[in-house]
N, C-alpha and C. Protein backbone atom coordinates (compact mmCIF):
# COMPACT_ATOMS: atom_id res chain seq x y z
N UNK A 1 15.88 -20.19 -45.47
CA UNK A 1 16.46 -20.99 -44.40
C UNK A 1 17.05 -20.05 -43.36
N UNK A 2 16.69 -20.31 -42.12
CA UNK A 2 17.18 -19.51 -41.02
C UNK A 2 17.63 -20.44 -39.91
N UNK A 3 18.91 -20.83 -39.93
CA UNK A 3 19.47 -21.71 -38.92
C UNK A 3 20.09 -20.83 -37.84
N UNK A 4 19.76 -21.09 -36.58
CA UNK A 4 20.37 -20.32 -35.49
C UNK A 4 21.06 -21.29 -34.53
N UNK A 5 20.35 -21.71 -33.49
CA UNK A 5 20.90 -22.64 -32.50
C UNK A 5 19.86 -23.70 -32.20
N UNK A 6 20.29 -24.86 -31.69
CA UNK A 6 19.29 -25.87 -31.32
C UNK A 6 18.24 -25.33 -30.35
N UNK A 7 18.67 -24.50 -29.41
CA UNK A 7 17.71 -23.96 -28.43
C UNK A 7 16.60 -23.18 -29.13
N UNK A 8 16.94 -22.45 -30.19
CA UNK A 8 15.96 -21.65 -30.92
C UNK A 8 15.23 -22.44 -32.00
N UNK A 9 15.90 -23.41 -32.62
CA UNK A 9 15.36 -24.08 -33.81
C UNK A 9 14.62 -25.38 -33.54
N UNK A 10 14.84 -26.01 -32.41
CA UNK A 10 14.21 -27.30 -32.10
C UNK A 10 12.94 -27.04 -31.30
N UNK A 11 11.83 -27.52 -31.86
CA UNK A 11 10.53 -27.34 -31.20
C UNK A 11 10.41 -28.18 -29.94
N UNK A 12 10.82 -29.47 -30.06
CA UNK A 12 10.78 -30.37 -28.91
C UNK A 12 11.65 -31.59 -29.19
N UNK A 13 12.05 -32.25 -28.14
CA UNK A 13 12.83 -33.48 -28.24
C UNK A 13 11.86 -34.65 -28.33
N UNK A 14 12.02 -35.47 -29.38
CA UNK A 14 11.20 -36.68 -29.51
C UNK A 14 11.80 -37.84 -28.73
N UNK A 15 13.12 -38.03 -28.88
CA UNK A 15 13.81 -39.13 -28.20
C UNK A 15 15.13 -38.61 -27.64
N UNK A 16 15.36 -38.88 -26.38
CA UNK A 16 16.61 -38.47 -25.73
C UNK A 16 17.74 -39.40 -26.16
N UNK A 17 18.94 -38.98 -25.89
CA UNK A 17 20.09 -39.83 -26.16
C UNK A 17 19.99 -41.16 -25.44
N UNK A 18 19.50 -41.15 -24.22
CA UNK A 18 19.36 -42.39 -23.44
C UNK A 18 18.33 -43.33 -24.07
N UNK A 19 17.21 -42.78 -24.52
CA UNK A 19 16.19 -43.62 -25.17
C UNK A 19 16.74 -44.23 -26.45
N UNK A 20 17.47 -43.45 -27.21
CA UNK A 20 18.05 -43.94 -28.46
C UNK A 20 19.06 -45.04 -28.16
N UNK A 21 19.95 -44.82 -27.21
CA UNK A 21 20.97 -45.81 -26.86
C UNK A 21 20.35 -47.14 -26.46
N UNK A 22 19.32 -47.08 -25.65
CA UNK A 22 18.66 -48.31 -25.21
C UNK A 22 18.05 -49.07 -26.39
N UNK A 23 17.37 -48.36 -27.27
CA UNK A 23 16.74 -49.02 -28.43
C UNK A 23 17.79 -49.58 -29.38
N UNK A 24 18.88 -48.86 -29.59
CA UNK A 24 19.95 -49.35 -30.46
C UNK A 24 20.58 -50.61 -29.87
N UNK A 25 20.77 -50.64 -28.56
CA UNK A 25 21.30 -51.87 -27.92
C UNK A 25 20.36 -53.04 -28.15
N UNK A 26 19.05 -52.81 -28.05
CA UNK A 26 18.07 -53.88 -28.28
C UNK A 26 18.14 -54.39 -29.72
N UNK A 27 18.18 -53.45 -30.67
CA UNK A 27 18.27 -53.85 -32.08
C UNK A 27 19.57 -54.60 -32.35
N UNK A 28 20.67 -54.11 -31.81
CA UNK A 28 21.97 -54.75 -32.01
C UNK A 28 22.00 -56.16 -31.44
N UNK A 29 21.44 -56.35 -30.26
CA UNK A 29 21.41 -57.68 -29.64
C UNK A 29 20.59 -58.65 -30.49
N UNK A 30 19.46 -58.19 -31.00
CA UNK A 30 18.61 -59.06 -31.84
C UNK A 30 19.32 -59.42 -33.14
N UNK A 31 19.98 -58.46 -33.75
CA UNK A 31 20.72 -58.74 -34.99
C UNK A 31 21.89 -59.68 -34.74
N UNK A 32 22.61 -59.48 -33.65
CA UNK A 32 23.74 -60.35 -33.32
C UNK A 32 23.27 -61.79 -33.14
N UNK A 33 22.16 -61.96 -32.48
CA UNK A 33 21.62 -63.31 -32.28
C UNK A 33 21.25 -63.94 -33.63
N UNK A 34 20.59 -63.19 -34.47
CA UNK A 34 20.15 -63.69 -35.77
C UNK A 34 21.32 -64.02 -36.69
N UNK A 35 22.36 -63.21 -36.65
CA UNK A 35 23.48 -63.36 -37.59
C UNK A 35 24.74 -63.93 -36.94
N UNK A 36 24.61 -64.53 -35.79
CA UNK A 36 25.74 -65.01 -34.99
C UNK A 36 26.80 -65.74 -35.83
N UNK A 37 26.41 -66.64 -36.70
CA UNK A 37 27.37 -67.44 -37.47
C UNK A 37 27.39 -67.10 -38.95
N UNK A 38 26.81 -65.95 -39.34
CA UNK A 38 26.70 -65.65 -40.78
C UNK A 38 27.52 -64.45 -41.23
N UNK A 39 28.20 -63.75 -40.35
CA UNK A 39 29.05 -62.62 -40.69
C UNK A 39 28.39 -61.66 -41.69
N UNK A 40 27.37 -60.96 -41.24
CA UNK A 40 26.63 -60.08 -42.15
C UNK A 40 27.48 -58.92 -42.66
N UNK A 41 27.10 -58.43 -43.84
CA UNK A 41 27.67 -57.20 -44.37
C UNK A 41 26.70 -56.09 -44.00
N UNK A 42 27.11 -55.24 -43.10
CA UNK A 42 26.29 -54.13 -42.64
C UNK A 42 26.52 -52.96 -43.59
N UNK A 43 25.46 -52.50 -44.25
CA UNK A 43 25.56 -51.43 -45.25
C UNK A 43 24.94 -50.16 -44.68
N UNK A 44 25.76 -49.14 -44.54
CA UNK A 44 25.31 -47.84 -44.05
C UNK A 44 24.91 -46.96 -45.21
N UNK A 45 23.72 -46.37 -45.14
CA UNK A 45 23.29 -45.39 -46.13
C UNK A 45 23.74 -44.02 -45.62
N UNK A 46 24.75 -43.49 -46.29
CA UNK A 46 25.33 -42.20 -45.90
C UNK A 46 24.45 -41.05 -46.33
N UNK A 47 24.50 -39.96 -45.64
CA UNK A 47 25.25 -39.65 -44.45
C UNK A 47 24.38 -39.84 -43.21
N UNK A 48 23.09 -39.78 -43.39
CA UNK A 48 22.17 -39.74 -42.25
C UNK A 48 22.24 -40.91 -41.30
N UNK A 49 22.48 -42.11 -41.82
CA UNK A 49 22.49 -43.29 -40.95
C UNK A 49 23.82 -43.50 -40.24
N UNK A 50 24.81 -42.67 -40.49
CA UNK A 50 26.17 -42.94 -40.00
C UNK A 50 26.26 -43.06 -38.47
N UNK A 51 25.59 -42.20 -37.74
CA UNK A 51 25.67 -42.25 -36.28
C UNK A 51 24.96 -43.50 -35.76
N UNK A 52 23.75 -43.75 -36.25
CA UNK A 52 22.99 -44.94 -35.89
C UNK A 52 23.78 -46.20 -36.26
N UNK A 53 24.32 -46.23 -37.46
CA UNK A 53 25.08 -47.37 -37.97
C UNK A 53 26.27 -47.70 -37.06
N UNK A 54 27.05 -46.69 -36.71
CA UNK A 54 28.22 -46.93 -35.86
C UNK A 54 27.81 -47.51 -34.52
N UNK A 55 26.78 -46.95 -33.91
CA UNK A 55 26.32 -47.45 -32.62
C UNK A 55 25.72 -48.85 -32.75
N UNK A 56 24.97 -49.09 -33.82
CA UNK A 56 24.36 -50.40 -34.03
C UNK A 56 25.42 -51.47 -34.22
N UNK A 57 26.41 -51.21 -35.04
CA UNK A 57 27.49 -52.19 -35.27
C UNK A 57 28.24 -52.49 -33.97
N UNK A 58 28.49 -51.47 -33.17
CA UNK A 58 29.17 -51.69 -31.88
C UNK A 58 28.30 -52.48 -30.91
N UNK A 59 26.99 -52.42 -31.09
CA UNK A 59 26.07 -53.15 -30.20
C UNK A 59 25.91 -54.61 -30.61
N UNK A 60 26.49 -54.97 -31.75
CA UNK A 60 26.37 -56.35 -32.24
C UNK A 60 27.60 -57.16 -31.82
N UNK A 61 27.37 -58.14 -30.97
CA UNK A 61 28.44 -58.98 -30.46
C UNK A 61 28.60 -60.21 -31.37
N UNK A 62 29.01 -59.96 -32.61
CA UNK A 62 29.24 -61.03 -33.56
C UNK A 62 30.18 -60.50 -34.65
N UNK A 63 30.74 -61.42 -35.42
CA UNK A 63 31.60 -61.01 -36.54
C UNK A 63 30.72 -60.37 -37.61
N UNK A 64 31.21 -59.25 -38.18
CA UNK A 64 30.46 -58.58 -39.24
C UNK A 64 31.43 -57.82 -40.13
N UNK A 65 30.94 -57.43 -41.28
CA UNK A 65 31.69 -56.59 -42.20
C UNK A 65 30.92 -55.29 -42.36
N UNK A 66 31.64 -54.23 -42.74
CA UNK A 66 31.02 -52.92 -42.86
C UNK A 66 31.29 -52.34 -44.25
N UNK A 67 30.26 -51.71 -44.83
CA UNK A 67 30.41 -51.02 -46.11
C UNK A 67 29.44 -49.85 -46.12
N UNK A 68 29.62 -48.97 -47.12
CA UNK A 68 28.87 -47.72 -47.16
C UNK A 68 28.39 -47.44 -48.57
N UNK A 69 27.19 -46.86 -48.66
CA UNK A 69 26.65 -46.41 -49.93
C UNK A 69 26.07 -45.02 -49.69
N UNK A 70 26.26 -44.13 -50.65
CA UNK A 70 25.70 -42.78 -50.53
C UNK A 70 24.70 -42.59 -51.66
N UNK A 71 23.50 -42.20 -51.28
CA UNK A 71 22.44 -41.94 -52.25
C UNK A 71 21.82 -40.60 -51.92
N UNK A 72 21.12 -40.04 -52.88
CA UNK A 72 20.45 -38.77 -52.65
C UNK A 72 19.11 -38.75 -53.35
N UNK A 73 18.11 -38.29 -52.63
CA UNK A 73 16.82 -38.00 -53.24
C UNK A 73 16.30 -36.66 -52.74
N UNK A 74 17.09 -35.98 -51.91
CA UNK A 74 16.67 -34.72 -51.33
C UNK A 74 17.48 -33.52 -51.79
N UNK A 75 18.76 -33.69 -52.02
CA UNK A 75 19.60 -32.53 -52.29
C UNK A 75 19.62 -31.64 -51.06
N UNK A 76 19.49 -30.34 -51.23
CA UNK A 76 19.49 -29.40 -50.10
C UNK A 76 18.08 -29.04 -49.67
N UNK A 77 17.08 -29.77 -50.16
CA UNK A 77 15.69 -29.45 -49.88
C UNK A 77 15.17 -30.26 -48.70
N UNK A 78 14.03 -29.88 -48.17
CA UNK A 78 13.38 -30.65 -47.11
C UNK A 78 12.38 -31.64 -47.70
N UNK A 79 12.22 -31.66 -49.01
CA UNK A 79 11.31 -32.57 -49.70
C UNK A 79 12.07 -33.38 -50.74
N UNK A 80 11.68 -34.66 -50.90
CA UNK A 80 12.33 -35.53 -51.86
C UNK A 80 12.10 -35.05 -53.29
N UNK A 81 13.11 -35.25 -54.13
CA UNK A 81 12.97 -34.92 -55.55
C UNK A 81 12.22 -36.02 -56.28
N UNK A 82 12.12 -37.20 -55.66
CA UNK A 82 11.46 -38.34 -56.30
C UNK A 82 12.41 -39.17 -57.14
N UNK A 83 13.66 -38.76 -57.25
CA UNK A 83 14.67 -39.48 -58.02
C UNK A 83 15.83 -39.84 -57.10
N UNK A 84 16.17 -41.12 -57.06
CA UNK A 84 17.29 -41.57 -56.23
C UNK A 84 18.54 -41.65 -57.09
N UNK A 85 19.60 -41.01 -56.63
CA UNK A 85 20.88 -41.06 -57.33
C UNK A 85 21.91 -41.71 -56.43
N UNK A 86 22.74 -42.60 -57.00
CA UNK A 86 23.85 -43.17 -56.25
C UNK A 86 25.02 -42.21 -56.36
N UNK A 87 25.50 -41.77 -55.22
CA UNK A 87 26.65 -40.88 -55.15
C UNK A 87 27.93 -41.69 -54.96
N UNK A 88 27.85 -42.74 -54.11
CA UNK A 88 28.96 -43.65 -53.85
C UNK A 88 28.38 -45.05 -53.72
N UNK A 89 28.86 -45.97 -54.55
CA UNK A 89 28.38 -47.35 -54.50
C UNK A 89 29.18 -48.15 -53.47
N UNK A 90 28.72 -49.35 -53.20
CA UNK A 90 29.43 -50.25 -52.29
C UNK A 90 30.81 -50.60 -52.84
N UNK A 91 31.73 -50.87 -51.94
CA UNK A 91 33.04 -51.38 -52.33
C UNK A 91 33.02 -52.91 -52.39
N UNK A 92 32.06 -53.52 -51.71
CA UNK A 92 31.98 -54.98 -51.58
C UNK A 92 31.07 -55.61 -52.62
N UNK A 93 31.42 -56.82 -53.02
CA UNK A 93 30.54 -57.65 -53.83
C UNK A 93 29.57 -58.33 -52.85
N UNK A 94 28.28 -58.17 -53.05
CA UNK A 94 27.31 -58.73 -52.09
C UNK A 94 26.73 -60.07 -52.53
N UNK A 95 27.12 -60.57 -53.68
CA UNK A 95 26.61 -61.84 -54.16
C UNK A 95 26.89 -62.94 -53.14
N UNK A 96 25.83 -63.64 -52.74
CA UNK A 96 25.95 -64.75 -51.80
C UNK A 96 26.18 -64.34 -50.35
N UNK A 97 26.09 -63.08 -50.05
CA UNK A 97 26.35 -62.60 -48.69
C UNK A 97 25.04 -62.21 -48.00
N UNK A 98 25.10 -62.19 -46.68
CA UNK A 98 23.97 -61.76 -45.86
C UNK A 98 24.11 -60.25 -45.64
N UNK A 99 23.19 -59.49 -46.22
CA UNK A 99 23.28 -58.04 -46.24
C UNK A 99 22.24 -57.43 -45.30
N UNK A 100 22.67 -56.49 -44.48
CA UNK A 100 21.76 -55.74 -43.62
C UNK A 100 21.91 -54.27 -44.02
N UNK A 101 20.84 -53.71 -44.57
CA UNK A 101 20.82 -52.29 -44.96
C UNK A 101 20.41 -51.48 -43.74
N UNK A 102 21.22 -50.49 -43.39
CA UNK A 102 20.94 -49.66 -42.22
C UNK A 102 20.59 -48.25 -42.69
N UNK A 103 19.35 -47.84 -42.41
CA UNK A 103 18.81 -46.55 -42.85
C UNK A 103 18.46 -45.72 -41.63
N UNK A 104 18.57 -44.40 -41.76
CA UNK A 104 18.23 -43.53 -40.64
C UNK A 104 16.72 -43.35 -40.50
N UNK A 105 16.06 -43.01 -41.61
CA UNK A 105 14.63 -42.71 -41.54
C UNK A 105 13.94 -43.15 -42.83
N UNK A 106 12.77 -43.70 -42.69
CA UNK A 106 11.95 -44.01 -43.86
C UNK A 106 10.84 -42.97 -43.88
N UNK A 107 10.92 -42.14 -44.90
CA UNK A 107 9.97 -41.04 -45.05
C UNK A 107 9.01 -41.41 -46.17
N UNK A 108 9.42 -41.24 -47.40
CA UNK A 108 8.59 -41.64 -48.54
C UNK A 108 8.74 -43.13 -48.84
N UNK A 109 9.87 -43.73 -48.41
CA UNK A 109 10.15 -45.13 -48.71
C UNK A 109 10.86 -45.31 -50.04
N UNK A 110 11.03 -44.25 -50.79
CA UNK A 110 11.63 -44.30 -52.12
C UNK A 110 13.05 -44.84 -52.11
N UNK A 111 13.90 -44.32 -51.24
CA UNK A 111 15.30 -44.74 -51.20
C UNK A 111 15.41 -46.21 -50.84
N UNK A 112 14.69 -46.64 -49.83
CA UNK A 112 14.77 -48.03 -49.40
C UNK A 112 14.30 -48.98 -50.51
N UNK A 113 13.18 -48.66 -51.16
CA UNK A 113 12.69 -49.52 -52.26
C UNK A 113 13.72 -49.60 -53.39
N UNK A 114 14.32 -48.47 -53.72
CA UNK A 114 15.33 -48.43 -54.77
C UNK A 114 16.52 -49.32 -54.41
N UNK A 115 17.03 -49.18 -53.20
CA UNK A 115 18.19 -49.97 -52.79
C UNK A 115 17.86 -51.46 -52.69
N UNK A 116 16.69 -51.79 -52.21
CA UNK A 116 16.31 -53.20 -52.13
C UNK A 116 16.28 -53.83 -53.53
N UNK A 117 15.74 -53.11 -54.50
CA UNK A 117 15.72 -53.63 -55.87
C UNK A 117 17.12 -53.74 -56.44
N UNK A 118 17.94 -52.72 -56.24
CA UNK A 118 19.32 -52.74 -56.72
C UNK A 118 20.10 -53.90 -56.10
N UNK A 119 20.02 -54.03 -54.79
CA UNK A 119 20.77 -55.09 -54.11
C UNK A 119 20.24 -56.48 -54.48
N UNK A 120 18.94 -56.63 -54.63
CA UNK A 120 18.37 -57.93 -55.02
C UNK A 120 18.93 -58.38 -56.37
N UNK A 121 19.15 -57.42 -57.27
CA UNK A 121 19.71 -57.76 -58.58
C UNK A 121 21.15 -58.25 -58.48
N UNK A 122 21.80 -57.99 -57.36
CA UNK A 122 23.18 -58.43 -57.13
C UNK A 122 23.25 -59.77 -56.42
N UNK A 123 22.11 -60.37 -56.16
CA UNK A 123 21.96 -61.73 -55.64
C UNK A 123 22.62 -62.02 -54.29
N UNK A 124 22.23 -61.28 -53.25
CA UNK A 124 22.73 -61.62 -51.91
C UNK A 124 22.09 -62.92 -51.42
N UNK A 125 22.72 -63.56 -50.44
CA UNK A 125 22.13 -64.77 -49.84
C UNK A 125 20.86 -64.39 -49.09
N UNK A 126 20.88 -63.24 -48.43
CA UNK A 126 19.71 -62.71 -47.73
C UNK A 126 19.87 -61.21 -47.61
N UNK A 127 18.75 -60.55 -47.37
CA UNK A 127 18.78 -59.10 -47.22
C UNK A 127 17.75 -58.70 -46.17
N UNK A 128 18.17 -57.84 -45.28
CA UNK A 128 17.31 -57.34 -44.21
C UNK A 128 17.50 -55.84 -44.15
N UNK A 129 16.47 -55.13 -43.76
CA UNK A 129 16.58 -53.68 -43.61
C UNK A 129 16.24 -53.29 -42.17
N UNK A 130 17.05 -52.39 -41.64
CA UNK A 130 16.86 -51.88 -40.29
C UNK A 130 16.86 -50.36 -40.40
N UNK A 131 15.84 -49.72 -39.86
CA UNK A 131 15.82 -48.26 -39.86
C UNK A 131 15.58 -47.77 -38.44
N UNK A 132 16.16 -46.63 -38.15
CA UNK A 132 15.99 -46.05 -36.83
C UNK A 132 14.59 -45.46 -36.66
N UNK A 133 14.14 -44.71 -37.68
CA UNK A 133 12.87 -44.00 -37.59
C UNK A 133 11.96 -44.32 -38.77
N UNK A 134 10.69 -44.45 -38.52
CA UNK A 134 9.71 -44.71 -39.56
C UNK A 134 8.55 -43.72 -39.41
N UNK A 135 8.23 -43.05 -40.52
CA UNK A 135 7.07 -42.14 -40.54
C UNK A 135 5.88 -42.89 -41.12
N UNK A 136 4.70 -42.67 -40.60
CA UNK A 136 3.52 -43.39 -41.07
C UNK A 136 3.00 -42.91 -42.43
N UNK A 137 3.42 -41.75 -42.90
CA UNK A 137 2.77 -41.13 -44.05
C UNK A 137 2.99 -41.84 -45.38
N UNK A 138 3.98 -42.70 -45.49
CA UNK A 138 4.24 -43.32 -46.78
C UNK A 138 3.28 -44.46 -47.07
N UNK A 139 2.35 -44.69 -46.19
CA UNK A 139 1.28 -45.67 -46.44
C UNK A 139 1.68 -47.07 -46.03
N UNK A 140 1.00 -47.60 -45.07
CA UNK A 140 1.28 -48.96 -44.63
C UNK A 140 2.59 -49.05 -43.88
N UNK A 141 3.06 -50.27 -43.72
CA UNK A 141 4.33 -50.48 -43.04
C UNK A 141 5.49 -49.96 -43.86
N UNK A 142 6.58 -49.76 -43.22
CA UNK A 142 7.75 -49.18 -43.88
C UNK A 142 8.38 -50.14 -44.86
N UNK A 143 8.21 -51.41 -44.66
CA UNK A 143 8.93 -52.38 -45.45
C UNK A 143 10.23 -52.79 -44.78
N UNK A 144 10.61 -52.05 -43.74
CA UNK A 144 11.82 -52.41 -42.98
C UNK A 144 11.52 -53.64 -42.13
N UNK A 145 12.54 -54.44 -41.95
CA UNK A 145 12.40 -55.64 -41.13
C UNK A 145 12.47 -55.33 -39.64
N UNK A 146 13.16 -54.25 -39.30
CA UNK A 146 13.26 -53.82 -37.91
C UNK A 146 13.25 -52.30 -37.88
N UNK A 147 12.51 -51.74 -36.93
CA UNK A 147 12.36 -50.30 -36.80
C UNK A 147 12.65 -49.91 -35.35
N UNK A 148 13.44 -48.85 -35.20
CA UNK A 148 13.73 -48.36 -33.86
C UNK A 148 12.53 -47.67 -33.24
N UNK A 149 12.01 -46.67 -33.94
CA UNK A 149 10.89 -45.87 -33.43
C UNK A 149 9.97 -45.46 -34.57
N UNK A 150 8.67 -45.47 -34.32
CA UNK A 150 7.72 -44.83 -35.23
C UNK A 150 7.62 -43.38 -34.79
N UNK A 151 7.55 -42.47 -35.78
CA UNK A 151 7.51 -41.05 -35.44
C UNK A 151 6.37 -40.37 -36.17
N UNK A 152 5.95 -39.20 -35.67
CA UNK A 152 4.90 -38.44 -36.36
C UNK A 152 5.45 -37.84 -37.66
N UNK A 153 4.57 -37.40 -38.51
CA UNK A 153 4.96 -36.80 -39.79
C UNK A 153 5.43 -35.37 -39.56
N UNK A 154 6.63 -35.26 -39.00
CA UNK A 154 7.24 -33.97 -38.73
C UNK A 154 8.69 -34.04 -39.17
N UNK A 155 9.31 -32.88 -39.38
CA UNK A 155 10.70 -32.84 -39.83
C UNK A 155 11.60 -32.97 -38.61
N UNK A 156 12.41 -34.03 -38.58
CA UNK A 156 13.26 -34.31 -37.42
C UNK A 156 14.74 -34.19 -37.78
N UNK A 157 15.51 -33.82 -36.77
CA UNK A 157 16.95 -33.69 -36.91
C UNK A 157 17.63 -34.27 -35.67
N UNK A 158 18.94 -34.48 -35.80
CA UNK A 158 19.72 -34.98 -34.68
C UNK A 158 20.08 -36.43 -34.87
N UNK A 159 21.11 -36.88 -34.13
CA UNK A 159 21.58 -38.26 -34.17
C UNK A 159 21.82 -38.72 -35.62
N UNK A 160 22.42 -37.84 -36.42
CA UNK A 160 22.76 -38.15 -37.81
C UNK A 160 21.84 -37.51 -38.83
N UNK A 161 20.62 -37.21 -38.44
CA UNK A 161 19.67 -36.58 -39.38
C UNK A 161 19.91 -35.08 -39.40
N UNK A 162 19.77 -34.50 -40.60
CA UNK A 162 20.10 -33.08 -40.73
C UNK A 162 19.03 -32.30 -41.47
N UNK A 163 19.22 -31.00 -41.44
CA UNK A 163 18.53 -30.10 -42.34
C UNK A 163 19.62 -29.24 -42.97
N UNK A 164 19.80 -29.38 -44.29
CA UNK A 164 20.80 -28.61 -45.04
C UNK A 164 22.18 -28.69 -44.38
N UNK A 165 22.53 -29.89 -43.89
CA UNK A 165 23.84 -30.10 -43.30
C UNK A 165 23.95 -29.73 -41.83
N UNK A 166 22.92 -29.20 -41.23
CA UNK A 166 22.94 -28.78 -39.84
C UNK A 166 22.29 -29.82 -38.93
N UNK A 167 22.76 -29.89 -37.71
CA UNK A 167 22.16 -30.63 -36.60
C UNK A 167 22.38 -32.13 -36.59
N UNK A 168 23.24 -32.67 -37.46
CA UNK A 168 23.56 -34.11 -37.40
C UNK A 168 24.19 -34.48 -36.06
N UNK A 169 24.89 -33.55 -35.44
CA UNK A 169 25.66 -33.83 -34.24
C UNK A 169 24.86 -33.82 -32.94
N UNK A 170 23.58 -33.50 -33.00
CA UNK A 170 22.79 -33.49 -31.77
C UNK A 170 22.70 -34.90 -31.19
N UNK A 171 22.81 -35.05 -29.86
CA UNK A 171 22.76 -36.38 -29.25
C UNK A 171 21.35 -36.92 -29.07
N UNK A 172 20.36 -36.19 -29.51
CA UNK A 172 18.96 -36.56 -29.40
C UNK A 172 18.29 -36.36 -30.75
N UNK A 173 17.03 -36.78 -30.86
CA UNK A 173 16.25 -36.53 -32.07
C UNK A 173 15.16 -35.54 -31.70
N UNK A 174 15.14 -34.42 -32.43
CA UNK A 174 14.18 -33.38 -32.14
C UNK A 174 13.41 -32.95 -33.37
N UNK A 175 12.27 -32.32 -33.14
CA UNK A 175 11.43 -31.79 -34.22
C UNK A 175 11.91 -30.37 -34.53
N UNK A 176 12.21 -30.14 -35.81
CA UNK A 176 12.66 -28.82 -36.24
C UNK A 176 11.45 -27.91 -36.41
N UNK A 177 11.55 -26.69 -35.93
CA UNK A 177 10.46 -25.74 -36.09
C UNK A 177 10.23 -25.46 -37.57
N UNK A 178 8.96 -25.36 -37.96
CA UNK A 178 8.61 -25.14 -39.37
C UNK A 178 9.21 -23.87 -39.94
N UNK A 179 9.29 -22.83 -39.16
CA UNK A 179 9.81 -21.57 -39.70
C UNK A 179 11.28 -21.67 -40.10
N UNK A 180 11.97 -22.71 -39.64
CA UNK A 180 13.38 -22.89 -40.01
C UNK A 180 13.50 -23.41 -41.43
N UNK A 181 12.60 -24.33 -41.84
CA UNK A 181 12.75 -24.97 -43.15
C UNK A 181 11.70 -24.57 -44.17
N UNK A 182 10.71 -23.82 -43.81
CA UNK A 182 9.70 -23.42 -44.79
C UNK A 182 9.98 -22.07 -45.39
């Protein structure tokens, strides 16, 4: 691993901060309309979705509740281990509630499938998934109910997404150069 600076490590910008803000406002408006009278429980998958989640919740002009879950299938690697571990579970009981799972990126789809099965066993009134980014490589559609952007099969960072803890704070989403993570 050779982390230097965004100027050296980012190959190109996929989405600017302005593009992301506009898309998040659109997603938030659609969710607010759908959940206007149902007070959804917005569930953030930590840590990657945190920036997207905060902006999305602020873009929703309706009553909502917020909770957080931390899972891991990557560790410090750029590739999934294939095993999802819960690091921090929800504080809320979701039985009979309208749950919206907010994910940063669907790569293999493993984490989202795991959480959907786990949450379904807890008997929510409804469950919806929203992800900011979807990669095509996991085969077919992401399974998410709403997607911000489809992206190429490249390693991306910024706007909450990281590599080994670096670059979550970038205001844009960029492609990380291969020599940084290989």
